[in-house]
Amino acid sequence: RIKEEPVPAVPDPEPEPEAESKPEPEILSQESLGAFCLSVGDLVKKRRRVKRTEEPVKEPPKPGRKRPRRKKKEVVDHPTDRIVVDGYFDFLVRHLEGEARVQTKTIVQKIASRPGKCVISSDSGEQEADFVIVTLPVGVLKGKEARSRVVFEPPLSAKKREAIETFGMGSENKVVLRFDPADVFWPVKVPYFTSTDDRFRILNLQYYGKPGILVVHGQPPFSWNWGGLSDAELVREVRQSLASMLGMKKAPPDPIDSHVTRWDSDPFSLGSYSFFAVDSTVETVHALASCEGLKKEKRVYFAGEACSLDGHQCVHGAYTTGMEAAWSIMDRIGEDWTDHGPPQIGYGSGRLGMDQQWIQCCECEAWKEVSVTEQAFKRIQEDENWTCCAKCRDDRRQSVRSQG
């Protein structure tokens, strides 16, 4: 037998002393602050004792997994041209000219409305037309210059005359300077810059591919008659302003060529853009675009940037209103070339206010805002073939014929 020795008893582990509980951090409330903080110093001390919440520790990426890359921001060029550096003649005037007969150097003196036609009198004789689209600037329509004044027969309505007198005409003139490309003295990588001389703003056309050319813009009130300066004096003022702006110790070189615009004194423009003067409203614009002439015919239409709300003061405003006037004339003529009278809705009707409604064209499916009466709106709602313009109307007729 093996003698079994008693196994010594293992003493029980002594209980570890309990960890002293730390006092909870004092979190201040609005009440405690208001009750115990008697001074700004006490408030600062108490806030320092507040335990800030610790940010969670970010786990390191697991092995074998790559950190996702951020997508590069795509730069999308805006489809609309903001600056036209080659002029409007080639891409717009030539495009619109087509086969139309353009008669220049002709001063229109009178537009008379006759039953079924219009008679246009100029310094080169008379011409007859079914309709007339007047695109004269508001400054010319005011009739303050005898050389460009146009007489309307019958006279324009009181509402039209009031709109013409109320609407303002501004003057944005320019000084074009052409330097030798070897003498360029301005920062060529800056497209546009100004200075403390608030008379001028400079557009650097070299940035846009026109070497050695600066276009200096002038705005009212200085641009009105350029403060009485001659062309040579104005160019000198511009050069001095450029030298001061760029910190040049000597005057910049003389330009090879220069051109100064004076739209405010040109009798056939009397300004370069229209604007909402005092008492002008959206109703004023609709009155400017309304048709005139004999009461039951109204064959004289108006267009131009002043007649536009979307393209006000811009070339595309003049373009779109001219197209709207042409479409309005086409809409009033049926397939048998029968005149259905002046427009009661849409462009040229002069309607505005409570009668404006949104209608969807059945052809292009675009929503158009038109000025109609409540009865006319109900008739349009019942018409499943309503179109917004002459082009959509023709397309709709062709689609109906092809289906039939």
Foldseek 3Di string as FASTA:
>chain_A
DDDDDDDDDDDDDDDDDDDDDDDDQDDDDPVNCVVPVPDPVVVVVNVVSHDDDDDDDDDDDDPPDDDDDDDDDDDDDDPDDDDDPPDCCPVHVVVVCPVPDDDPPWAWAEWEFDVQWIWIQIPVGIDIGRFAEDAAALLQCLVPDVRRHYQYVVHWDPLLNVLSVQWAFWAKKKKKFAADLVQDDDPQCDQWDDDPPLQWTKGRCVVVVDRRMIIIIGGPDCLQCNVVDDPVRVVVVVQVRVCVRVVNPDTRDHTPDMDIDNQCPDSRRNHQFIDRHPPRDLLSLLSNQAFDHDPFARRYGYAYLSNADVRGSHPVRRVVSVVQVVQQQVVQQDPVRDGNTHDCKDTNNSADDPQWDWDAALQPRDIDIMGHDPVVVVVVVVDNHDHDTPVSNVVSVVVVVVVD
